[in-house]
Amino acid sequence: MSPPGLYRRAVGDLDMIRSRDPSVHSRTEALLHPAVPAVWGHRVAHRLHRRGCAAPRGSSPSPRGWRRAGSRSTPAPGSAAASSSTTAREW
């Protein structure tokens, strides 16, 4: 999406919040509305998903910790894969 299209969409989101929430009186106040990071985070995650990236479950919309879809992550503690490889020293 081009920057002008991104700007139009962001302004449209802020105007939508202003029209639906009577306590919001300006676009500046709409930036503080809790729906803004949720909607924008969802849009970022959706675009990354379409490009083949996957986020760890329960992650925030920050790119740290994101991985390519289909790549392997570390096995869960207590799983068969985790117990087959010894990484900790046994004293």
PDB file of N, CA and C in Angstrom:
ATOM      1  N   MET A   1       0.858  -1.165   0.000  1.00  0.00           N
ATOM      2  CA  MET A   1       0.000   0.000   0.000  1.00  0.00           C
ATOM      3  C   MET A   1       0.906   1.230   0.000  1.00  0.00           C
ATOM      4  N   SER A   2       0.582   2.178  -0.823  1.00  0.00           N
ATOM      5  CA  SER A   2       1.393   3.384  -0.924  1.00  0.00           C
ATOM      6  C   SER A   2       1.150   4.296   0.273  1.00  0.00           C
ATOM      7  N   PRO A   3       2.114   5.160   0.597  1.00  0.00           N
ATOM      8  CA  PRO A   3       1.924   6.075   1.734  1.00  0.00           C
ATOM      9  C   PRO A   3       0.676   6.940   1.631  1.00  0.00           C
ATOM     10  N   PRO A   4       0.313   7.501   0.433  1.00  0.00           N
ATOM     11  CA  PRO A   4      -0.951   8.262   0.400  1.00  0.00           C
ATOM     12  C   PRO A   4      -2.169   7.390   0.718  1.00  0.00           C
ATOM     13  N   GLY A   5      -2.164   6.128   0.240  1.00  0.00           N
ATOM     14  CA  GLY A   5      -3.273   5.227   0.557  1.00  0.00           C
ATOM     15  C   GLY A   5      -3.296   4.871   2.026  1.00  0.00           C
ATOM     16  N   LEU A   6      -2.121   4.710   2.602  1.00  0.00           N
ATOM     17  CA  LEU A   6      -2.019   4.418   4.032  1.00  0.00           C
ATOM     18  C   LEU A   6      -2.534   5.592   4.854  1.00  0.00           C
ATOM     19  N   TYR A   7      -2.184   6.804   4.432  1.00  0.00           N
ATOM     20  CA  TYR A   7      -2.644   7.999   5.135  1.00  0.00           C
ATOM     21  C   TYR A   7      -4.163   8.122   5.060  1.00  0.00           C
ATOM     22  N   ARG A   8      -4.715   7.902   3.870  1.00  0.00           N
ATOM     23  CA  ARG A   8      -6.174   7.987   3.724  1.00  0.00           C
ATOM     24  C   ARG A   8      -6.883   6.959   4.595  1.00  0.00           C
ATOM     25  N   ARG A   9      -6.336   5.763   4.656  1.00  0.00           N
ATOM     26  CA  ARG A   9      -6.958   4.724   5.466  1.00  0.00           C
ATOM     27  C   ARG A   9      -6.878   5.078   6.956  1.00  0.00           C
ATOM     28  N   ALA A  10      -5.741   5.612   7.402  1.00  0.00           N
ATOM     29  CA  ALA A  10      -5.587   5.995   8.808  1.00  0.00           C
ATOM     30  C   ALA A  10      -6.554   7.118   9.168  1.00  0.00           C
ATOM     31  N   VAL A  11      -6.670   8.117   8.306  1.00  0.00           N
ATOM     32  CA  VAL A  11      -7.612   9.214   8.557  1.00  0.00           C
ATOM     33  C   VAL A  11      -9.045   8.678   8.556  1.00  0.00           C
ATOM     34  N   GLY A  12      -9.339   7.752   7.664  1.00  0.00           N
ATOM     35  CA  GLY A  12     -10.675   7.146   7.639  1.00  0.00           C
ATOM     36  C   GLY A  12     -10.981   6.389   8.924  1.00  0.00           C
ATOM     37  N   ASP A  13      -9.968   5.678   9.452  1.00  0.00           N
ATOM     38  CA  ASP A  13     -10.159   4.964  10.720  1.00  0.00           C
ATOM     39  C   ASP A  13     -10.447   5.945  11.858  1.00  0.00           C
ATOM     40  N   LEU A  14      -9.697   7.031  11.900  1.00  0.00           N
ATOM     41  CA  LEU A  14      -9.891   8.021  12.965  1.00  0.00           C
ATOM     42  C   LEU A  14     -11.250   8.705  12.834  1.00  0.00           C
ATOM     43  N   ASP A  15     -11.662   8.998  11.605  1.00  0.00           N
ATOM     44  CA  ASP A  15     -12.991   9.602  11.406  1.00  0.00           C
ATOM     45  C   ASP A  15     -14.101   8.634  11.784  1.00  0.00           C
ATOM     46  N   MET A  16     -13.913   7.344  11.517  1.00  0.00           N
ATOM     47  CA  MET A  16     -14.915   6.352  11.895  1.00  0.00           C
ATOM     48  C   MET A  16     -15.066   6.302  13.418  1.00  0.00           C
ATOM     49  N   ILE A  17     -13.941   6.352  14.126  1.00  0.00           N
ATOM     50  CA  ILE A  17     -14.007   6.332  15.596  1.00  0.00           C
ATOM     51  C   ILE A  17     -14.715   7.584  16.099  1.00  0.00           C
ATOM     52  N   ARG A  18     -14.410   8.730  15.492  1.00  0.00           N
ATOM     53  CA  ARG A  18     -15.079   9.980  15.895  1.00  0.00           C
ATOM     54  C   ARG A  18     -16.578   9.892  15.684  1.00  0.00           C
ATOM     55  N   SER A  19     -17.009   9.268  14.588  1.00  0.00           N
ATOM     56  CA  SER A  19     -18.451   9.216  14.308  1.00  0.00           C
ATOM     57  C   SER A  19     -19.180   8.213  15.193  1.00  0.00           C
ATOM     58  N   ARG A  20     -18.489   7.180  15.658  1.00  0.00           N
ATOM     59  CA  ARG A  20     -19.164   6.129  16.429  1.00  0.00           C
ATOM     60  C   ARG A  20     -19.043   6.291  17.938  1.00  0.00           C
ATOM     61  N   ASP A  21     -18.073   7.069  18.399  1.00  0.00           N
ATOM     62  CA  ASP A  21     -17.888   7.240  19.839  1.00  0.00           C
ATOM     63  C   ASP A  21     -18.174   8.692  20.208  1.00  0.00           C
ATOM     64  N   PRO A  22     -19.253   8.945  20.951  1.00  0.00           N
ATOM     65  CA  PRO A  22     -19.609  10.330  21.257  1.00  0.00           C
ATOM     66  C   PRO A  22     -18.621  11.035  22.192  1.00  0.00           C
ATOM     67  N   SER A  23     -17.764  10.298  22.873  1.00  0.00           N
ATOM     68  CA  SER A  23     -16.814  10.944  23.778  1.00  0.00           C
ATOM     69  C   SER A  23     -15.573  11.458  23.054  1.00  0.00           C
ATOM     70  N   VAL A  24     -15.383  11.078  21.798  1.00  0.00           N
ATOM     71  CA  VAL A  24     -14.223  11.514  21.026  1.00  0.00           C
ATOM     72  C   VAL A  24     -14.632  12.707  20.173  1.00  0.00           C
ATOM     73  N   HIS A  25     -13.882  13.816  20.318  1.00  0.00           N
ATOM     74  CA  HIS A  25     -14.255  15.049  19.628  1.00  0.00           C
ATOM     75  C   HIS A  25     -13.291  15.449  18.517  1.00  0.00           C
ATOM     76  N   SER A  26     -12.126  14.821  18.424  1.00  0.00           N
ATOM     77  CA  SER A  26     -11.161  15.192  17.393  1.00  0.00           C
ATOM     78  C   SER A  26     -10.373  13.953  16.962  1.00  0.00           C
ATOM     79  N   ARG A  27      -9.638  14.093  15.854  1.00  0.00           N
ATOM     80  CA  ARG A  27      -8.783  12.989  15.414  1.00  0.00           C
ATOM     81  C   ARG A  27      -7.664  12.729  16.409  1.00  0.00           C
ATOM     82  N   THR A  28      -7.199  13.777  17.048  1.00  0.00           N
ATOM     83  CA  THR A  28      -6.140  13.610  18.051  1.00  0.00           C
ATOM     84  C   THR A  28      -6.643  12.759  19.215  1.00  0.00           C
ATOM     85  N   GLU A  29      -7.859  13.004  19.660  1.00  0.00           N
ATOM     86  CA  GLU A  29      -8.431  12.179  20.723  1.00  0.00           C
ATOM     87  C   GLU A  29      -8.675  10.757  20.227  1.00  0.00           C
ATOM     88  N   ALA A  30      -9.013  10.613  18.964  1.00  0.00           N
ATOM     89  CA  ALA A  30      -9.264   9.282  18.409  1.00  0.00           C
ATOM     90  C   ALA A  30      -7.996   8.438  18.407  1.00  0.00           C
ATOM     91  N   LEU A  31      -6.818   9.065  18.305  1.00  0.00           N
ATOM     92  CA  LEU A  31      -5.560   8.318  18.361  1.00  0.00           C
ATOM     93  C   LEU A  31      -5.383   7.591  19.690  1.00  0.00           C
ATOM     94  N   LEU A  32      -5.996   8.119  20.747  1.00  0.00           N
ATOM     95  CA  LEU A  32      -5.880   7.512  22.069  1.00  0.00           C
ATOM     96  C   LEU A  32      -6.932   6.438  22.328  1.00  0.00           C
ATOM     97  N   HIS A  33      -7.837   6.243  21.403  1.00  0.00           N
ATOM     98  CA  HIS A  33      -8.905   5.250  21.565  1.00  0.00           C
ATOM     99  C   HIS A  33      -8.303   3.840  21.527  1.00  0.00           C
ATOM    100  N   PRO A  34      -8.764   2.919  22.378  1.00  0.00           N
ATOM    101  CA  PRO A  34      -8.181   1.570  22.412  1.00  0.00           C
ATOM    102  C   PRO A  34      -8.399   0.753  21.137  1.00  0.00           C
ATOM    103  N   ALA A  35      -9.320   1.162  20.287  1.00  0.00           N
ATOM    104  CA  ALA A  35      -9.549   0.412  19.057  1.00  0.00           C
ATOM    105  C   ALA A  35      -8.464   0.667  18.013  1.00  0.00           C
ATOM    106  N   VAL A  36      -7.785   1.796  18.090  1.00  0.00           N
ATOM    107  CA  VAL A  36      -6.795   2.158  17.063  1.00  0.00           C
ATOM    108  C   VAL A  36      -5.645   1.155  17.013  1.00  0.00           C
ATOM    109  N   PRO A  37      -4.948   0.879  18.119  1.00  0.00           N
ATOM    110  CA  PRO A  37      -3.863  -0.102  18.006  1.00  0.00           C
ATOM    111  C   PRO A  37      -4.358  -1.503  17.658  1.00  0.00           C
ATOM    112  N   ALA A  38      -5.575  -1.831  18.062  1.00  0.00           N
ATOM    113  CA  ALA A  38      -6.113  -3.154  17.738  1.00  0.00           C
ATOM    114  C   ALA A  38      -6.343  -3.287  16.234  1.00  0.00           C
ATOM    115  N   VAL A  39      -6.962  -2.286  15.632  1.00  0.00           N
ATOM    116  CA  VAL A  39      -7.256  -2.337  14.195  1.00  0.00           C
ATOM    117  C   VAL A  39      -5.970  -2.262  13.388  1.00  0.00           C
ATOM    118  N   TRP A  40      -5.088  -1.328  13.733  1.00  0.00           N
ATOM    119  CA  TRP A  40      -3.850  -1.174  12.973  1.00  0.00           C
ATOM    120  C   TRP A  40      -2.932  -2.377  13.154  1.00  0.00           C
ATOM    121  N   GLY A  41      -2.895  -2.930  14.353  1.00  0.00           N
ATOM    122  CA  GLY A  41      -2.104  -4.140  14.574  1.00  0.00           C
ATOM    123  C   GLY A  41      -2.632  -5.316  13.767  1.00  0.00           C
ATOM    124  N   HIS A  42      -3.958  -5.412  13.677  1.00  0.00           N
ATOM    125  CA  HIS A  42      -4.560  -6.481  12.883  1.00  0.00           C
ATOM    126  C   HIS A  42      -4.211  -6.307  11.406  1.00  0.00           C
ATOM    127  N   ARG A  43      -4.234  -5.078  10.930  1.00  0.00           N
ATOM    128  CA  ARG A  43      -3.905  -4.841   9.519  1.00  0.00           C
ATOM    129  C   ARG A  43      -2.458  -5.214   9.210  1.00  0.00           C
ATOM    130  N   VAL A  44      -1.546  -4.866  10.111  1.00  0.00           N
ATOM    131  CA  VAL A  44      -0.137  -5.229   9.908  1.00  0.00           C
ATOM    132  C   VAL A  44       0.012  -6.747   9.918  1.00  0.00           C
ATOM    133  N   ALA A  45      -0.610  -7.406  10.896  1.00  0.00           N
ATOM    134  CA  ALA A  45      -0.513  -8.864  10.990  1.00  0.00           C
ATOM    135  C   ALA A  45      -1.109  -9.542   9.757  1.00  0.00           C
ATOM    136  N   HIS A  46      -2.210  -9.003   9.252  1.00  0.00           N
ATOM    137  CA  HIS A  46      -2.845  -9.599   8.080  1.00  0.00           C
ATOM    138  C   HIS A  46      -1.953  -9.469   6.846  1.00  0.00           C
ATOM    139  N   ARG A  47      -1.328  -8.303   6.660  1.00  0.00           N
ATOM    140  CA  ARG A  47      -0.429  -8.119   5.510  1.00  0.00           C
ATOM    141  C   ARG A  47       0.777  -9.044   5.624  1.00  0.00           C
ATOM    142  N   LEU A  48       1.340  -9.187   6.820  1.00  0.00           N
ATOM    143  CA  LEU A  48       2.479 -10.088   6.991  1.00  0.00           C
ATOM    144  C   LEU A  48       2.065 -11.537   6.749  1.00  0.00           C
ATOM    145  N   HIS A  49       0.858 -11.895   7.192  1.00  0.00           N
ATOM    146  CA  HIS A  49       0.365 -13.251   6.975  1.00  0.00           C
ATOM    147  C   HIS A  49       0.224 -13.546   5.481  1.00  0.00           C
ATOM    148  N   ARG A  50      -0.292 -12.584   4.739  1.00  0.00           N
ATOM    149  CA  ARG A  50      -0.435 -12.778   3.292  1.00  0.00           C
ATOM    150  C   ARG A  50       0.917 -12.917   2.606  1.00  0.00           C
ATOM    151  N   ARG A  51       1.970 -12.354   3.197  1.00  0.00           N
ATOM    152  CA  ARG A  51       3.312 -12.465   2.614  1.00  0.00           C
ATOM    153  C   ARG A  51       4.050 -13.706   3.081  1.00  0.00           C
ATOM    154  N   GLY A  52       3.446 -14.497   3.957  1.00  0.00           N
ATOM    155  CA  GLY A  52       4.056 -15.749   4.379  1.00  0.00           C
ATOM    156  C   GLY A  52       4.745 -15.701   5.714  1.00  0.00           C
ATOM    157  N   CYS A  53       4.560 -14.642   6.486  1.00  0.00           N
ATOM    158  CA  CYS A  53       5.148 -14.562   7.826  1.00  0.00           C
ATOM    159  C   CYS A  53       4.093 -14.976   8.848  1.00  0.00           C
ATOM    160  N   ALA A  54       4.550 -15.545   9.944  1.00  0.00           N
ATOM    161  CA  ALA A  54       3.625 -15.937  11.009  1.00  0.00           C
ATOM    162  C   ALA A  54       4.152 -15.394  12.329  1.00  0.00           C
ATOM    163  N   ALA A  55       3.247 -14.985  13.182  1.00  0.00           N
ATOM    164  CA  ALA A  55       3.619 -14.469  14.492  1.00  0.00           C
ATOM    165  C   ALA A  55       3.387 -15.545  15.532  1.00  0.00           C
ATOM    166  N   PRO A  56       4.186 -15.554  16.593  1.00  0.00           N
ATOM    167  CA  PRO A  56       3.912 -16.490  17.677  1.00  0.00           C
ATOM    168  C   PRO A  56       2.559 -16.178  18.311  1.00  0.00           C
ATOM    169  N   ARG A  57       1.899 -17.182  18.807  1.00  0.00           N
ATOM    170  CA  ARG A  57       0.586 -16.962  19.415  1.00  0.00           C
ATOM    171  C   ARG A  57       0.709 -16.050  20.624  1.00  0.00           C
ATOM    172  N   GLY A  58      -0.264 -15.165  20.743  1.00  0.00           N
ATOM    173  CA  GLY A  58      -0.298 -14.258  21.879  1.00  0.00           C
ATOM    174  C   GLY A  58       0.706 -13.140  21.788  1.00  0.00           C
ATOM    175  N   SER A  59       1.255 -12.908  20.606  1.00  0.00           N
ATOM    176  CA  SER A  59       2.264 -11.857  20.493  1.00  0.00           C
ATOM    177  C   SER A  59       1.599 -10.515  20.244  1.00  0.00           C
ATOM    178  N   SER A  60       2.332  -9.492  20.546  1.00  0.00           N
ATOM    179  CA  SER A  60       1.873  -8.146  20.251  1.00  0.00           C
ATOM    180  C   SER A  60       2.168  -7.854  18.782  1.00  0.00           C
ATOM    181  N   PRO A  61       1.668  -6.762  18.271  1.00  0.00           N
ATOM    182  CA  PRO A  61       1.927  -6.488  16.868  1.00  0.00           C
ATOM    183  C   PRO A  61       3.336  -5.993  16.568  1.00  0.00           C
ATOM    184  N   SER A  62       4.300  -6.278  17.418  1.00  0.00           N
ATOM    185  CA  SER A  62       5.676  -5.883  17.115  1.00  0.00           C
ATOM    186  C   SER A  62       6.331  -6.976  16.285  1.00  0.00           C
ATOM    187  N   PRO A  63       7.244  -6.610  15.400  1.00  0.00           N
ATOM    188  CA  PRO A  63       7.851  -7.614  14.527  1.00  0.00           C
ATOM    189  C   PRO A  63       8.873  -8.510  15.225  1.00  0.00           C
ATOM    190  N   ARG A  64       9.297  -8.185  16.445  1.00  0.00           N
ATOM    191  CA  ARG A  64      10.274  -9.017  17.135  1.00  0.00           C
ATOM    192  C   ARG A  64       9.661 -10.378  17.447  1.00  0.00           C
ATOM    193  N   GLY A  65      10.345 -11.414  17.077  1.00  0.00           N
ATOM    194  CA  GLY A  65       9.856 -12.758  17.350  1.00  0.00           C
ATOM    195  C   GLY A  65       9.027 -13.356  16.230  1.00  0.00           C
ATOM    196  N   TRP A  66       8.816 -12.624  15.151  1.00  0.00           N
ATOM    197  CA  TRP A  66       8.051 -13.169  14.041  1.00  0.00           C
ATOM    198  C   TRP A  66       8.951 -14.065  13.219  1.00  0.00           C
ATOM    199  N   ARG A  67       8.375 -15.050  12.585  1.00  0.00           N
ATOM    200  CA  ARG A  67       9.156 -16.013  11.817  1.00  0.00           C
ATOM    201  C   ARG A  67       8.448 -16.299  10.508  1.00  0.00           C
ATOM    202  N   ARG A  68       9.167 -16.934   9.591  1.00  0.00           N
ATOM    203  CA  ARG A  68       8.566 -17.333   8.333  1.00  0.00           C
ATOM    204  C   ARG A  68       7.596 -18.479   8.592  1.00  0.00           C
ATOM    205  N   ALA A  69       6.492 -18.495   7.895  1.00  0.00           N
ATOM    206  CA  ALA A  69       5.516 -19.570   8.050  1.00  0.00           C
ATOM    207  C   ALA A  69       6.161 -20.884   7.622  1.00  0.00           C
ATOM    208  N   GLY A  70       5.962 -21.903   8.405  1.00  0.00           N
ATOM    209  CA  GLY A  70       6.502 -23.213   8.095  1.00  0.00           C
ATOM    210  C   GLY A  70       7.862 -23.483   8.714  1.00  0.00           C
ATOM    211  N   SER A  71       8.490 -22.451   9.301  1.00  0.00           N
ATOM    212  CA  SER A  71       9.783 -22.689   9.928  1.00  0.00           C
ATOM    213  C   SER A  71       9.567 -23.318  11.300  1.00  0.00           C
ATOM    214  N   ARG A  72      10.540 -24.046  11.765  1.00  0.00           N
ATOM    215  CA  ARG A  72      10.389 -24.751  13.028  1.00  0.00           C
ATOM    216  C   ARG A  72      10.791 -23.848  14.175  1.00  0.00           C
ATOM    217  N   SER A  73      10.079 -23.939  15.233  1.00  0.00           N
ATOM    218  CA  SER A  73      10.438 -23.223  16.448  1.00  0.00           C
ATOM    219  C   SER A  73      10.959 -24.240  17.453  1.00  0.00           C
ATOM    220  N   THR A  74      11.429 -23.763  18.576  1.00  0.00           N
ATOM    221  CA  THR A  74      11.945 -24.675  19.589  1.00  0.00           C
ATOM    222  C   THR A  74      10.809 -25.510  20.157  1.00  0.00           C
ATOM    223  N   PRO A  75      11.065 -26.772  20.480  1.00  0.00           N
ATOM    224  CA  PRO A  75       9.990 -27.621  21.003  1.00  0.00           C
ATOM    225  C   PRO A  75       9.560 -27.181  22.398  1.00  0.00           C
ATOM    226  N   ALA A  76       8.337 -27.489  22.726  1.00  0.00           N
ATOM    227  CA  ALA A  76       7.792 -27.139  24.027  1.00  0.00           C
ATOM    228  C   ALA A  76       8.454 -27.985  25.106  1.00  0.00           C
ATOM    229  N   PRO A  77       8.701 -27.400  26.292  1.00  0.00           N
ATOM    230  CA  PRO A  77       9.283 -28.187  27.380  1.00  0.00           C
ATOM    231  C   PRO A  77       8.388 -29.365  27.740  1.00  0.00           C
ATOM    232  N   GLY A  78       8.995 -30.504  27.931  1.00  0.00           N
ATOM    233  CA  GLY A  78       8.244 -31.699  28.303  1.00  0.00           C
ATOM    234  C   GLY A  78       7.753 -32.499  27.115  1.00  0.00           C
ATOM    235  N   SER A  79       7.924 -31.979  25.897  1.00  0.00           N
ATOM    236  CA  SER A  79       7.481 -32.740  24.729  1.00  0.00           C
ATOM    237  C   SER A  79       8.533 -33.785  24.384  1.00  0.00           C
ATOM    238  N   ALA A  80       8.157 -34.715  23.523  1.00  0.00           N
ATOM    239  CA  ALA A  80       9.077 -35.785  23.137  1.00  0.00           C
ATOM    240  C   ALA A  80      10.293 -35.218  22.421  1.00  0.00           C
ATOM    241  N   ALA A  81      10.102 -34.188  21.609  1.00  0.00           N
ATOM    242  CA  ALA A  81      11.222 -33.589  20.886  1.00  0.00           C
ATOM    243  C   ALA A  81      12.175 -32.885  21.841  1.00  0.00           C
ATOM    244  N   ALA A  82      11.654 -32.275  22.888  1.00  0.00           N
ATOM    245  CA  ALA A  82      12.499 -31.567  23.837  1.00  0.00           C
ATOM    246  C   ALA A  82      13.294 -32.548  24.694  1.00  0.00           C
ATOM    247  N   SER A  83      12.710 -33.685  25.033  1.00  0.00           N
ATOM    248  CA  SER A  83      13.408 -34.628  25.901  1.00  0.00           C
ATOM    249  C   SER A  83      14.453 -35.440  25.144  1.00  0.00           C
ATOM    250  N   SER A  84      14.356 -35.488  23.807  1.00  0.00           N
ATOM    251  CA  SER A  84      15.320 -36.276  23.048  1.00  0.00           C
ATOM    252  C   SER A  84      16.660 -35.570  22.918  1.00  0.00           C
ATOM    253  N   SER A  85      16.664 -34.250  22.979  1.00  0.00           N
ATOM    254  CA  SER A  85      17.927 -33.527  22.903  1.00  0.00           C
ATOM    255  C   SER A  85      18.285 -33.005  24.286  1.00  0.00           C
ATOM    256  N   THR A  86      19.472 -33.314  24.744  1.00  0.00           N
ATOM    257  CA  THR A  86      19.903 -32.875  26.067  1.00  0.00           C
ATOM    258  C   THR A  86      20.664 -31.571  25.914  1.00  0.00           C
ATOM    259  N   THR A  87      20.095 -30.484  26.452  1.00  0.00           N
ATOM    260  CA  THR A  87      20.752 -29.200  26.368  1.00  0.00           C
ATOM    261  C   THR A  87      21.268 -28.745  27.720  1.00  0.00           C
ATOM    262  N   ALA A  88      20.662 -29.203  28.795  1.00  0.00           N
ATOM    263  CA  ALA A  88      21.094 -28.786  30.127  1.00  0.00           C
ATOM    264  C   ALA A  88      22.054 -29.818  30.707  1.00  0.00           C
ATOM    265  N   ARG A  89      22.981 -29.321  31.468  1.00  0.00           N
ATOM    266  CA  ARG A  89      23.927 -30.231  32.115  1.00  0.00           C
ATOM    267  C   ARG A  89      23.231 -30.991  33.250  1.00  0.00           C
ATOM    268  N   GLU A  90      23.564 -32.207  33.372  1.00  0.00           N
ATOM    269  CA  GLU A  90      23.039 -32.986  34.471  1.00  0.00           C
ATOM    270  C   GLU A  90      24.130 -33.098  35.526  1.00  0.00           C
ATOM    271  N   TRP A  91      23.881 -32.615  36.690  1.00  0.00           N
ATOM    272  CA  TRP A  91      24.893 -32.564  37.761  1.00  0.00           C
ATOM    273  C   TRP A  91      24.822 -33.782  38.600  1.00  0.00           C
TER     274      TRP A  91
END
